[in-house]
């Protein structure tokens, strides 16, 4: 299983090896069959603010178009809730605090959906879902129930986009197919 280059559409380049590895790993988890396609490192203008939004990965799966925000903190422990996350590297460096990235990813997903429907009204029924991929091999995610919503790991990513199997997925999502 690996999504071939003919099904991927690269945007920009990343100077970060960890980000490139995470994207390559995610693409390697996707099957080479319809409806799977992926767009990497894209930029999207938010028409309401004029802000340029950076998108790590977009995946077309059988149930939705997934906007994937990749977080590749190195080894350590990740704790948090629906609002705040804390990454503790465990090597003596101080704990770093971050906003839960789902909120930003969900905003990008809404902008993407709006842009798509402004191009083609037929896409109004398309589900656009945000996912946060915690992609580091050695990171131990210890998020509470609310902090895990729409969060996937290296091992759960494929099931999330293929079967709509992830925390916070709508119960009916796995039974709905894209038109």
Foldseek 3Di string as FASTA:
>chain_A
DAADPVQEAEDDDDPDPQLVVQVRLLRGLADHDPPWHKYAFDWDQQVVPRDIDTFGMWIQEFQAIEGEAEDEDEAAEWEEAQFKIWGDNPPPDDIDIDTLCQVVQVVVQVSVQVVVCVVPVVCVPGHYYYAYEHEYPRYHYDYPLRSQARYDYSVCSSCCRHQVDGRNRDPCRSVDGDD
